Amino acid sequence: MKKFLIFIVAYNAERHIASVFSRIPYSRLAEGTELLLIDDASKDSTYSVAQGAARSCPIKSTLLKNPVNLGYGGNQKLGYEFAISQGFDAVVLIHGDGQYAPELIPEMFQPIAAGGADLVLGSRMMRKKDAIKGGMPLYKWIGNQVLTWLENRILGMNLTEFHTGLRAYATRTLGAIPFSLNTDDFHFDTDILIQCHRIGAKFAEIPIPTKYGDEVCHVDGWKYFFGCLRSCVRDWLTQKGVFYCRRFDIAPPETRYESKLGFEGSSHRQVLEMVAEGAKILDVGGGNGWIADEIREKKKGEVTIVDQFFRPEPPLVHQTISLDLSREVPRGLGRFDSVLMLDILEHLPRAQQTKILDALRQEQDEKTRFIISVPNTAFLPLRAVFFFFGQLNYGRRGILDDTHAFLFTKKSLRELLSDCGFRIEGMRYTPPPYELALGSGNPWRLITRIHGAAARWLPSLFAYQIILEATPLPTVPRLLAKSIRHSEGLQSQHAGSFAEIEKA
């Protein structure tokens, strides 16, 4: 049997709270439904009035009063934590001022109970004219729709209303999001919808009546408006990897990175151009298979992938070697025409970078081409943010991906390869992936081309990524072996001793 919780948030609602209790349709509630009221340190008699109403309540009721005011969002956090910790399957939120209809509580639970939704919103805007008839002031009616439209546009959602105070959540959904990190202010309601959207929760809306009476509104309209927009923009920037906001960093791990093969001037596109037809390739850290698939299909190459994780679907058709590159070094893999290390070195500490490069250099010969890409931390926008705001804002992806262990510039990348015994054969540069971040279209392609030209002209400032091509210099043991073989031809009388040295 499923357990449901009615959660009433109350603040200075002594005139209305008893009515909220009496309007709940107890006869239509599922068996085992309970009620929780949390008074957020009201200055009036809300709590004592609620105690009197609870005595005649036919379902189990729990009444709490916060010792200090936690705010609208802070009060909700307590209720949702209670619902999760007490094993409820779903919780419906309703305000203690009677503005939202308690009569519809059973309808709010129904989609969750039937398995068709993870959260349900009671929308006053599914029938917009009814909201006006119910007494919603015109400025609020317009503001509600304008703000909802903006939020839908920024977040890629399609809700009729973001700002209802009648909503139901499956507790499994609440348990999957960090709602405790959200604001304690009124735009908590927007924060939690964003989080549910990010984990792929199923939304449902039902129409509800609008009722405006003599209840006191505690919301600062403009503060609320900009608070909601700020949360939406922070989420958007977090998903794009531009800035970082912890409470919105909850998208599934597989959505962190995307293929850039379809975008002009990208590192993936340029690397594909650099690979020779029919080449034998070692792809270090390419478990997503994007580059390997293209090399096999378009260049008829043979690819071996070394990584710790490999994509599950569609299954990889390449040879794979499972290795934790953060701790292990690839050895005994044989010789390859090219070694790809794309966006992998920055995830490793310097000591591990050198160990891997040293090991690969020893196994490959001077003809093997190493193609390496890293983000450019000297990129002009990052310099500006650091100069003006004094911070490096790590995010889900991009130059300051929060999994990066090492920051590269053009100079530091050259130094690393030189220190590890490689000859730099050439360098390429990429513009930012505008189309990936902002959408495809001619304007972004034009900006990409302009930025690409700037990156080639002044890479230290304008390059988003650096692509380096290098070949390994011969190791000292190989140079000694070559010297021995050369000398054997000149001094045949010492052939035996030279052969013993080379064998050793």
Protein backbone atom coordinates (compact mmCIF):
# COMPACT_ATOMS: atom_id res chain seq x y z
CA MET A 1 0.00 0.00 0.00
CA LYS A 2 1.34 3.41 -0.96
CA LYS A 3 1.76 6.11 1.67
CA PHE A 4 0.83 9.71 0.86
CA LEU A 5 1.57 12.90 2.79
CA ILE A 6 -0.29 16.21 2.72
CA PHE A 7 2.24 18.93 3.56
CA ILE A 8 0.91 22.35 4.62
CA VAL A 9 3.37 25.25 4.79
CA ALA A 10 2.09 28.04 7.01
CA TYR A 11 3.21 31.50 8.06
CA ASN A 12 0.97 34.04 9.81
CA ALA A 13 -2.12 32.20 8.51
CA GLU A 14 -4.29 32.13 11.66
CA ARG A 15 -7.35 33.40 9.77
CA HIS A 16 -7.27 30.69 7.12
CA ILE A 17 -5.56 27.60 8.49
CA ALA A 18 -8.67 26.04 10.06
CA SER A 19 -10.50 26.41 6.75
CA VAL A 20 -7.70 24.59 4.93
CA PHE A 21 -8.07 21.63 7.32
CA SER A 22 -11.85 21.56 6.90
CA ARG A 23 -11.76 21.74 3.08
CA ILE A 24 -9.57 18.64 2.64
CA PRO A 25 -11.78 15.84 1.18
CA TYR A 26 -10.77 13.17 3.71
CA SER A 27 -13.30 10.66 2.38
CA ARG A 28 -11.57 10.61 -1.01
CA LEU A 29 -8.04 10.20 0.32
CA ALA A 30 -6.19 6.91 -0.06
CA GLU A 31 -5.93 4.76 3.04
CA GLY A 32 -2.85 5.63 5.06
CA THR A 33 -2.66 9.26 3.96
CA GLU A 34 -1.18 11.50 6.66
CA LEU A 35 -0.88 15.25 7.21
CA LEU A 36 2.12 17.39 8.14
CA LEU A 37 1.93 21.10 8.96
CA ILE A 38 5.06 23.16 9.58
CA ASP A 39 4.54 26.64 10.97
CA ASP A 40 7.54 28.76 9.96
CA ALA A 41 7.86 30.69 13.22
CA SER A 42 4.63 32.65 12.73
CA LYS A 43 4.16 35.81 14.77
CA ASP A 44 0.45 35.18 15.20
CA SER A 45 -1.61 32.24 16.52
CA THR A 46 -1.27 30.03 13.43
CA TYR A 47 0.19 27.09 15.37
CA SER A 48 -2.39 27.05 18.18
CA VAL A 49 -5.27 27.40 15.70
CA ALA A 50 -3.82 24.54 13.67
CA GLN A 51 -3.60 22.41 16.82
CA GLY A 52 -7.30 22.94 17.41
CA ALA A 53 -8.14 22.01 13.80
CA ALA A 54 -5.95 18.91 13.97
CA ARG A 55 -7.89 17.52 16.92
CA SER A 56 -10.90 16.95 14.67
CA CYS A 57 -8.82 15.80 11.71
CA PRO A 58 -9.71 12.17 10.81
CA ILE A 59 -6.20 11.29 9.58
CA LYS A 60 -2.90 11.14 11.45
CA SER A 61 -1.49 14.66 11.74
CA THR A 62 1.93 15.95 12.71
CA LEU A 63 2.33 19.63 13.59
CA LEU A 64 5.73 21.31 13.85
CA LYS A 65 6.78 24.88 14.51
CA ASN A 66 10.19 26.17 13.54
CA PRO A 67 12.02 28.05 16.33
CA VAL A 68 13.26 30.59 13.74
CA ASN A 69 11.88 31.58 10.37
CA LEU A 70 13.53 29.48 7.64
CA GLY A 71 11.84 31.11 4.67
CA TYR A 72 9.40 29.61 2.21
CA GLY A 73 12.05 27.41 0.61
CA GLY A 74 13.68 26.47 3.89
CA ASN A 75 10.33 25.34 5.28
CA GLN A 76 9.71 23.12 2.24
CA LYS A 77 13.09 21.46 2.70
CA LEU A 78 12.01 20.23 6.14
CA GLY A 79 8.74 18.84 4.81
CA TYR A 80 10.36 16.95 1.95
CA GLU A 81 13.03 15.55 4.25
CA PHE A 82 10.24 14.38 6.58
CA ALA A 83 8.43 12.70 3.66
CA ILE A 84 11.57 10.89 2.54
CA SER A 85 12.72 9.81 6.00
CA GLN A 86 9.26 8.54 6.99
CA GLY A 87 8.90 6.38 3.90
CA PHE A 88 6.08 8.21 2.10
CA ASP A 89 5.68 7.52 -1.62
CA ALA A 90 4.42 10.98 -2.55
CA VAL A 91 3.86 14.36 -0.94
CA VAL A 92 1.53 17.16 -1.97
CA LEU A 93 2.39 20.74 -1.05
CA ILE A 94 -0.38 23.20 -0.19
CA HIS A 95 -0.33 26.67 1.33
CA GLY A 96 -1.87 27.42 4.69
CA ASP A 97 -3.55 30.63 3.50
CA GLY A 98 -6.26 28.78 1.53
CA GLN A 99 -5.35 30.30 -1.84
CA TYR A 100 -4.97 26.86 -3.43
CA ALA A 101 -7.82 24.35 -3.38
CA PRO A 102 -7.40 21.53 -0.82
CA GLU A 103 -10.39 19.88 -2.52
CA LEU A 104 -8.08 18.81 -5.37
CA ILE A 105 -5.51 16.98 -3.25
CA PRO A 106 -6.71 13.49 -4.38
CA GLU A 107 -6.41 14.58 -8.05
CA MET A 108 -2.86 15.77 -7.38
CA PHE A 109 -1.82 12.36 -6.05
CA GLN A 110 -3.52 10.34 -8.78
CA PRO A 111 -0.97 10.66 -11.67
CA ILE A 112 1.89 9.70 -9.35
CA ALA A 113 -0.04 6.78 -7.87
CA ALA A 114 -0.82 5.55 -11.39
CA GLY A 115 2.85 5.75 -12.39
CA GLY A 116 2.28 8.35 -15.10
CA ALA A 117 4.18 11.20 -13.48
CA ASP A 118 6.99 11.97 -11.06
CA LEU A 119 5.54 15.36 -10.13
CA VAL A 120 2.22 17.09 -10.66
CA LEU A 121 1.61 20.82 -10.89
CA GLY A 122 -1.77 22.39 -10.28
CA SER A 123 -1.86 25.07 -12.97
CA ARG A 124 -4.02 28.19 -12.87
CA MET A 125 -2.96 29.03 -16.43
CA MET A 126 -4.35 26.03 -18.26
CA ARG A 127 -7.55 28.09 -18.31
CA LYS A 128 -6.15 31.60 -18.33
CA LYS A 129 -9.47 33.49 -18.26
CA ASP A 130 -10.51 31.62 -15.13
CA ALA A 131 -7.49 33.08 -13.32
CA ILE A 132 -8.80 36.59 -13.94
CA LYS A 133 -12.29 35.57 -12.87
CA GLY A 134 -10.80 34.12 -9.67
CA GLY A 135 -9.46 37.49 -8.66
CA MET A 136 -5.83 37.33 -9.82
CA PRO A 137 -4.68 40.94 -10.28
CA LEU A 138 -3.99 41.81 -13.90
CA TYR A 139 -0.33 42.67 -13.29
CA LYS A 140 0.20 39.26 -11.64
CA TRP A 141 -1.68 37.51 -14.44
CA ILE A 142 0.57 39.13 -17.05
CA GLY A 143 3.73 38.70 -14.98
CA ASN A 144 3.01 35.01 -14.35
CA GLN A 145 2.72 34.30 -18.07
CA VAL A 146 5.71 36.43 -19.09
CA LEU A 147 7.96 34.82 -16.50
CA THR A 148 6.74 31.32 -17.34
CA TRP A 149 7.39 31.98 -21.04
CA LEU A 150 10.94 33.15 -20.31
CA GLU A 151 11.62 30.16 -18.07
CA ASN A 152 10.32 27.74 -20.69
CA ARG A 153 12.53 29.35 -23.34
CA ILE A 154 15.68 29.25 -21.24
CA LEU A 155 15.17 25.74 -19.89
CA GLY A 156 13.65 24.09 -22.95
CA MET A 157 10.44 23.19 -21.11
CA ASN A 158 6.75 23.58 -21.92
CA LEU A 159 4.81 24.22 -18.72
CA THR A 160 1.72 26.40 -18.53
CA GLU A 161 2.76 27.69 -15.10
CA PHE A 162 5.94 27.58 -13.02
CA HIS A 163 4.54 29.49 -10.06
CA THR A 164 1.80 27.42 -8.54
CA GLY A 165 1.78 26.63 -4.84
CA LEU A 166 -0.15 23.40 -5.31
CA ARG A 167 2.22 20.64 -6.40
CA ALA A 168 2.90 16.97 -5.71
CA TYR A 169 6.20 15.08 -5.85
CA ALA A 170 7.09 11.41 -5.80
CA THR A 171 9.56 11.05 -2.95
CA ARG A 172 11.86 8.93 -5.15
CA THR A 173 12.20 12.06 -7.30
CA LEU A 174 12.89 14.27 -4.30
CA GLY A 175 15.51 11.78 -3.14
CA ALA A 176 17.29 12.04 -6.49
CA ILE A 177 17.83 15.82 -6.41
CA PRO A 178 19.85 18.05 -4.03
CA PHE A 179 16.89 20.24 -3.01
CA SER A 180 18.70 21.11 0.23
CA LEU A 181 21.07 23.29 -1.84
CA ASN A 182 18.23 25.42 -3.19
CA THR A 183 17.38 28.93 -2.08
CA ASP A 184 15.37 29.44 1.10
CA ASP A 185 13.47 32.21 -0.67
CA PHE A 186 10.29 31.99 -2.73
CA HIS A 187 11.99 31.00 -6.00
CA PHE A 188 12.76 27.65 -4.36
CA ASP A 189 9.78 26.48 -6.42
CA THR A 190 11.66 27.28 -9.63
CA ASP A 191 14.92 25.72 -8.40
CA ILE A 192 13.25 22.42 -7.66
CA LEU A 193 11.46 22.30 -11.03
CA ILE A 194 14.79 22.89 -12.79
CA GLN A 195 16.36 20.03 -10.85
CA CYS A 196 13.49 17.67 -11.64
CA HIS A 197 13.79 18.60 -15.30
CA ARG A 198 17.53 17.91 -15.27
CA ILE A 199 17.11 14.35 -14.01
CA GLY A 200 14.46 13.63 -16.64
CA ALA A 201 11.46 13.51 -14.29
CA LYS A 202 8.02 13.14 -15.88
CA PHE A 203 5.85 16.25 -15.40
CA ALA A 204 2.07 16.41 -15.33
CA GLU A 205 -0.25 19.41 -14.98
CA ILE A 206 -3.89 19.58 -13.97
CA PRO A 207 -6.11 22.69 -14.11
CA ILE A 208 -7.00 24.25 -10.77
CA PRO A 209 -9.24 27.19 -9.83
CA THR A 210 -7.80 30.57 -8.86
CA LYS A 211 -8.86 32.19 -5.58
CA TYR A 212 -7.61 35.53 -4.33
CA GLY A 213 -9.12 36.73 -1.07
CA ASP A 214 -7.85 38.66 1.94
CA GLU A 215 -4.72 36.56 2.41
CA VAL A 216 -1.48 38.51 2.89
CA CYS A 217 1.14 38.13 0.16
CA HIS A 218 4.68 37.93 1.55
CA VAL A 219 6.39 37.84 -1.86
CA ASP A 220 8.46 40.75 -3.17
CA GLY A 221 7.41 40.57 -6.83
CA TRP A 222 10.51 42.00 -8.50
CA LYS A 223 12.88 40.08 -6.23
CA TYR A 224 10.99 36.90 -7.05
CA PHE A 225 10.99 37.67 -10.80
CA PHE A 226 14.74 38.18 -10.99
CA GLY A 227 15.42 35.32 -8.58
CA CYS A 228 13.61 32.92 -10.91
CA LEU A 229 15.41 34.24 -13.99
CA ARG A 230 18.76 34.10 -12.21
CA SER A 231 18.24 30.42 -11.39
CA CYS A 232 17.28 29.64 -15.00
CA VAL A 233 20.33 31.44 -16.39
CA ARG A 234 22.65 29.80 -13.86
CA ASP A 235 21.30 26.41 -14.85
CA TRP A 236 21.71 27.19 -18.56
CA LEU A 237 25.29 28.37 -18.06
CA THR A 238 26.06 25.30 -15.95
CA GLN A 239 24.77 22.95 -18.65
CA LYS A 240 26.81 24.83 -21.28
CA GLY A 241 29.95 24.56 -19.16
CA VAL A 242 30.43 28.35 -19.00
CA PHE A 243 29.92 28.78 -15.25
CA TYR A 244 29.21 26.41 -12.42
CA CYS A 245 26.30 26.18 -9.98
CA ARG A 246 26.42 23.14 -7.75
CA ARG A 247 22.67 22.73 -7.25
CA PHE A 248 22.14 22.40 -11.00
CA ASP A 249 25.09 20.09 -11.65
CA ILE A 250 22.87 17.00 -11.64
CA ALA A 251 22.48 15.95 -15.28
CA PRO A 252 23.34 12.27 -15.86
CA PRO A 253 27.11 11.70 -16.41
CA GLU A 254 26.64 10.55 -20.00
CA THR A 255 25.36 14.01 -20.95
CA ARG A 256 28.52 15.77 -19.77
CA TYR A 257 30.27 15.55 -23.15
CA GLU A 258 29.07 15.57 -26.73
CA SER A 259 30.65 14.79 -30.07
CA LYS A 260 31.99 17.83 -31.93
CA LEU A 261 32.38 16.06 -35.26
CA GLY A 262 29.42 17.88 -36.77
CA PHE A 263 30.77 21.37 -36.09
CA GLU A 264 33.04 23.36 -38.35
CA GLY A 265 36.56 23.97 -37.06
CA SER A 266 36.12 21.70 -34.02
CA SER A 267 38.97 19.63 -32.63
CA HIS A 268 37.20 16.38 -33.57
CA ARG A 269 36.74 17.53 -37.18
CA GLN A 270 40.36 18.68 -37.51
CA VAL A 271 41.77 15.49 -35.99
CA LEU A 272 39.76 13.39 -38.44
CA GLU A 273 41.33 15.36 -41.30
CA MET A 274 44.81 14.67 -39.89
CA VAL A 275 44.42 10.87 -39.78
CA ALA A 276 45.78 9.01 -42.84
CA GLU A 277 43.68 6.60 -44.90
CA GLY A 278 43.88 3.01 -43.71
CA ALA A 279 46.01 3.91 -40.69
CA LYS A 280 46.41 1.77 -37.61
CA ILE A 281 45.30 3.99 -34.72
CA LEU A 282 45.67 3.88 -30.94
CA ASP A 283 42.96 6.06 -29.35
CA VAL A 284 43.92 6.75 -25.74
CA GLY A 285 40.88 7.80 -23.68
CA GLY A 286 38.38 7.50 -26.54
CA GLY A 287 35.87 5.17 -24.89
CA ASN A 288 32.93 7.15 -26.29
CA GLY A 289 33.93 5.86 -29.74
CA TRP A 290 33.09 9.07 -31.64
CA ILE A 291 36.45 9.46 -33.39
CA ALA A 292 37.00 5.72 -33.73
CA ASP A 293 33.67 5.27 -35.53
CA GLU A 294 34.48 8.03 -38.03
CA ILE A 295 37.99 6.73 -38.68
CA ARG A 296 36.67 3.25 -39.36
CA GLU A 297 33.85 4.47 -41.60
CA LYS A 298 35.48 7.34 -43.51
CA LYS A 299 39.20 6.53 -43.35
CA LYS A 300 38.96 2.72 -43.36
CA GLY A 301 41.32 2.68 -40.41
CA GLU A 302 41.80 0.12 -37.66
CA VAL A 303 41.34 1.56 -34.16
CA THR A 304 42.32 0.23 -30.75
CA ILE A 305 40.77 2.14 -27.83
CA VAL A 306 42.35 2.33 -24.38
CA ASP A 307 40.05 3.62 -21.65
CA GLN A 308 38.43 2.76 -18.33
CA PHE A 309 34.84 3.21 -19.52
CA PHE A 310 33.27 2.42 -22.88
CA ARG A 311 29.89 3.47 -24.19
CA PRO A 312 27.25 0.75 -23.76
CA GLU A 313 25.09 1.69 -26.76
CA PRO A 314 25.57 1.24 -29.60
CA PRO A 315 28.21 -1.41 -28.87
CA LEU A 316 31.75 -0.56 -29.96
CA VAL A 317 33.06 -2.52 -32.95
CA HIS A 318 36.69 -1.67 -32.23
CA GLN A 319 39.35 -3.48 -30.25
CA THR A 320 39.23 -2.22 -26.66
CA ILE A 321 41.69 -2.38 -23.79
CA SER A 322 40.35 -1.58 -20.33
CA LEU A 323 42.79 0.54 -18.35
CA ASP A 324 42.44 3.15 -15.62
CA LEU A 325 44.64 5.85 -17.12
CA SER A 326 44.68 7.83 -13.89
CA ARG A 327 46.68 5.03 -12.25
CA GLU A 328 47.91 2.64 -14.95
CA VAL A 329 50.22 3.01 -17.94
CA PRO A 330 49.52 1.39 -21.32
CA ARG A 331 52.30 -1.07 -22.22
CA GLY A 332 52.86 -3.85 -24.74
CA LEU A 333 50.26 -2.58 -27.21
CA GLY A 334 52.41 -2.82 -30.32
CA ARG A 335 53.25 -0.18 -32.93
CA PHE A 336 50.73 2.19 -34.48
CA ASP A 337 50.72 4.71 -37.30
CA SER A 338 49.08 7.33 -35.09
CA VAL A 339 48.36 7.74 -31.38
CA LEU A 340 45.42 9.97 -30.46
CA MET A 341 45.23 11.59 -27.04
CA LEU A 342 42.23 13.88 -27.36
CA ASP A 343 41.13 15.86 -24.31
CA ILE A 344 42.68 13.31 -21.97
CA LEU A 345 45.95 14.77 -20.63
CA GLU A 346 44.21 17.59 -18.75
CA HIS A 347 42.32 14.98 -16.68
CA LEU A 348 45.60 13.54 -15.36
CA PRO A 349 48.16 14.91 -12.88
CA ARG A 350 51.52 15.86 -14.40
CA ALA A 351 53.33 12.78 -13.04
CA GLN A 352 50.84 10.44 -14.74
CA GLN A 353 50.99 12.45 -17.98
CA THR A 354 54.75 11.95 -18.21
CA LYS A 355 54.55 8.25 -17.31
CA ILE A 356 52.06 7.58 -20.11
CA LEU A 357 53.94 9.65 -22.68
CA ASP A 358 57.26 7.99 -21.71
CA ALA A 359 55.74 4.51 -22.04
CA LEU A 360 54.16 5.25 -25.43
CA ARG A 361 57.36 6.86 -26.73
CA GLN A 362 59.37 3.74 -25.86
CA GLU A 363 56.98 1.47 -27.82
CA GLN A 364 56.47 3.65 -30.90
CA ASP A 365 59.08 4.59 -33.47
CA GLU A 366 59.99 7.91 -35.05
CA LYS A 367 57.33 7.54 -37.75
CA THR A 368 54.39 7.34 -35.34
CA ARG A 369 52.35 10.54 -35.29
CA PHE A 370 51.01 11.66 -31.92
CA ILE A 371 47.95 13.90 -32.16
CA ILE A 372 47.08 15.56 -28.86
CA SER A 373 44.37 18.08 -28.00
CA VAL A 374 43.97 20.10 -24.79
CA PRO A 375 41.95 23.16 -23.77
CA ASN A 376 43.73 26.53 -23.74
CA THR A 377 43.50 28.01 -20.26
CA ALA A 378 44.97 31.30 -21.55
CA PHE A 379 41.79 31.82 -23.62
CA LEU A 380 40.91 35.54 -23.50
CA PRO A 381 37.49 35.26 -21.74
CA LEU A 382 39.06 33.19 -18.96
CA ARG A 383 41.82 35.76 -18.56
CA ALA A 384 39.24 38.52 -18.34
CA VAL A 385 37.14 36.72 -15.71
CA PHE A 386 40.24 36.00 -13.66
CA PHE A 387 41.49 39.59 -13.98
CA PHE A 388 38.22 41.33 -13.17
CA PHE A 389 36.62 38.86 -10.75
CA GLY A 390 39.62 36.98 -9.38
CA GLN A 391 38.17 33.50 -9.89
CA LEU A 392 38.39 30.37 -12.01
CA ASN A 393 34.83 29.12 -12.33
CA TYR A 394 34.90 25.37 -12.92
CA GLY A 395 31.92 23.73 -14.64
CA ARG A 396 30.59 20.47 -16.07
CA ARG A 397 32.66 20.73 -19.24
CA GLY A 398 34.72 23.14 -21.28
CA ILE A 399 38.12 24.61 -20.51
CA LEU A 400 37.52 24.56 -16.76
CA ASP A 401 35.82 21.17 -16.59
CA ASP A 402 35.61 20.25 -12.90
CA THR A 403 37.35 16.92 -13.61
CA HIS A 404 40.49 18.62 -14.99
CA ALA A 405 43.61 18.07 -12.93
CA PHE A 406 45.99 20.20 -15.01
CA LEU A 407 45.63 23.52 -16.83
CA PHE A 408 47.37 23.86 -20.20
CA THR A 409 48.53 26.75 -22.34
CA LYS A 410 50.27 26.56 -25.70
CA LYS A 411 53.64 26.98 -24.01
CA SER A 412 53.08 24.41 -21.25
CA LEU A 413 51.88 21.82 -23.77
CA ARG A 414 55.01 22.29 -25.88
CA GLU A 415 57.18 22.02 -22.77
CA LEU A 416 55.49 18.78 -21.69
CA LEU A 417 56.04 17.11 -25.06
CA SER A 418 59.61 18.37 -25.32
CA ASP A 419 60.43 17.18 -21.79
CA CYS A 420 59.05 13.73 -22.70
CA GLY A 421 61.25 13.44 -25.78
CA PHE A 422 58.98 14.44 -28.66
CA ARG A 423 59.60 16.60 -31.69
CA ILE A 424 56.82 19.14 -32.30
CA GLU A 425 55.75 18.84 -35.93
CA GLY A 426 52.91 21.36 -35.93
CA MET A 427 50.07 22.96 -33.99
CA ARG A 428 46.48 23.75 -34.86
CA TYR A 429 43.89 25.79 -33.01
CA THR A 430 40.12 25.71 -32.66
CA PRO A 431 37.47 28.35 -31.96
CA PRO A 432 34.88 27.79 -29.21
CA PRO A 433 32.09 25.33 -30.13
CA TYR A 434 29.47 28.06 -30.62
CA GLU A 435 27.09 25.79 -32.50
CA LEU A 436 27.27 23.10 -29.81
CA ALA A 437 26.57 25.60 -27.04
CA LEU A 438 24.15 27.99 -28.74
CA GLY A 439 22.56 26.05 -31.58
CA SER A 440 23.30 25.51 -35.26
CA GLY A 441 22.70 28.17 -37.88
CA ASN A 442 24.43 30.55 -40.25
CA PRO A 443 25.13 33.31 -37.67
CA TRP A 444 27.01 30.93 -35.40
CA ARG A 445 28.90 29.38 -38.33
CA LEU A 446 30.03 32.85 -39.40
CA ILE A 447 31.14 33.70 -35.86
CA THR A 448 32.97 30.36 -35.69
CA ARG A 449 34.88 31.16 -38.90
CA ILE A 450 35.82 34.64 -37.71
CA HIS A 451 36.94 33.31 -34.35
CA GLY A 452 38.83 30.48 -36.08
CA ALA A 453 40.82 33.05 -38.07
CA ALA A 454 41.57 34.97 -34.87
CA ALA A 455 42.70 31.73 -33.19
CA ARG A 456 45.18 31.07 -36.00
CA TRP A 457 46.41 34.66 -35.88
CA LEU A 458 46.85 34.92 -32.10
CA PRO A 459 46.34 31.45 -30.59
CA SER A 460 47.44 32.26 -27.06
CA LEU A 461 44.44 34.57 -26.66
CA PHE A 462 41.81 33.30 -29.07
CA ALA A 463 42.32 29.53 -29.34
CA TYR A 464 39.75 27.53 -27.40
CA GLN A 465 41.65 24.27 -27.87
CA ILE A 466 45.16 23.44 -29.00
CA ILE A 467 45.89 20.47 -31.27
CA LEU A 468 49.52 19.41 -31.31
CA GLU A 469 51.15 16.95 -33.72
CA ALA A 470 54.44 15.38 -32.62
CA THR A 471 56.71 12.44 -33.32
CA PRO A 472 58.80 10.61 -30.71
CA LEU A 473 62.53 11.19 -30.72
CA PRO A 474 64.55 7.96 -30.55
CA THR A 475 65.32 6.83 -27.02
CA VAL A 476 68.93 6.48 -25.87
CA PRO A 477 68.81 2.62 -26.06
CA ARG A 478 67.57 2.90 -29.67
CA LEU A 479 70.32 5.37 -30.54
CA LEU A 480 72.89 3.02 -29.03
CA ALA A 481 71.48 0.11 -31.03
CA LYS A 482 71.64 2.15 -34.24
CA SER A 483 75.22 3.15 -33.48
CA ILE A 484 76.14 -0.49 -32.92
CA ARG A 485 74.55 -1.61 -36.17
CA HIS A 486 76.25 1.20 -38.07
CA SER A 487 79.60 0.38 -36.51
CA GLU A 488 79.24 -3.30 -37.32
CA GLY A 489 79.46 -2.43 -40.96
CA LEU A 490 82.57 -0.39 -40.40
CA GLN A 491 84.35 -2.60 -37.90
CA SER A 492 83.43 -6.18 -38.72
CA GLN A 493 86.16 -7.47 -36.43
CA HIS A 494 84.12 -6.30 -33.43
CA ALA A 495 80.81 -7.70 -34.64
CA GLY A 496 80.65 -10.30 -31.92
CA SER A 497 81.16 -7.88 -29.04
CA PHE A 498 78.73 -5.38 -30.58
CA ALA A 499 76.11 -8.10 -30.94
CA GLU A 500 76.48 -8.97 -27.26
CA ILE A 501 76.07 -5.31 -26.25
CA GLU A 502 72.96 -4.88 -28.39
CA LYS A 503 71.47 -8.11 -27.06
CA ALA A 504 72.02 -6.91 -23.50
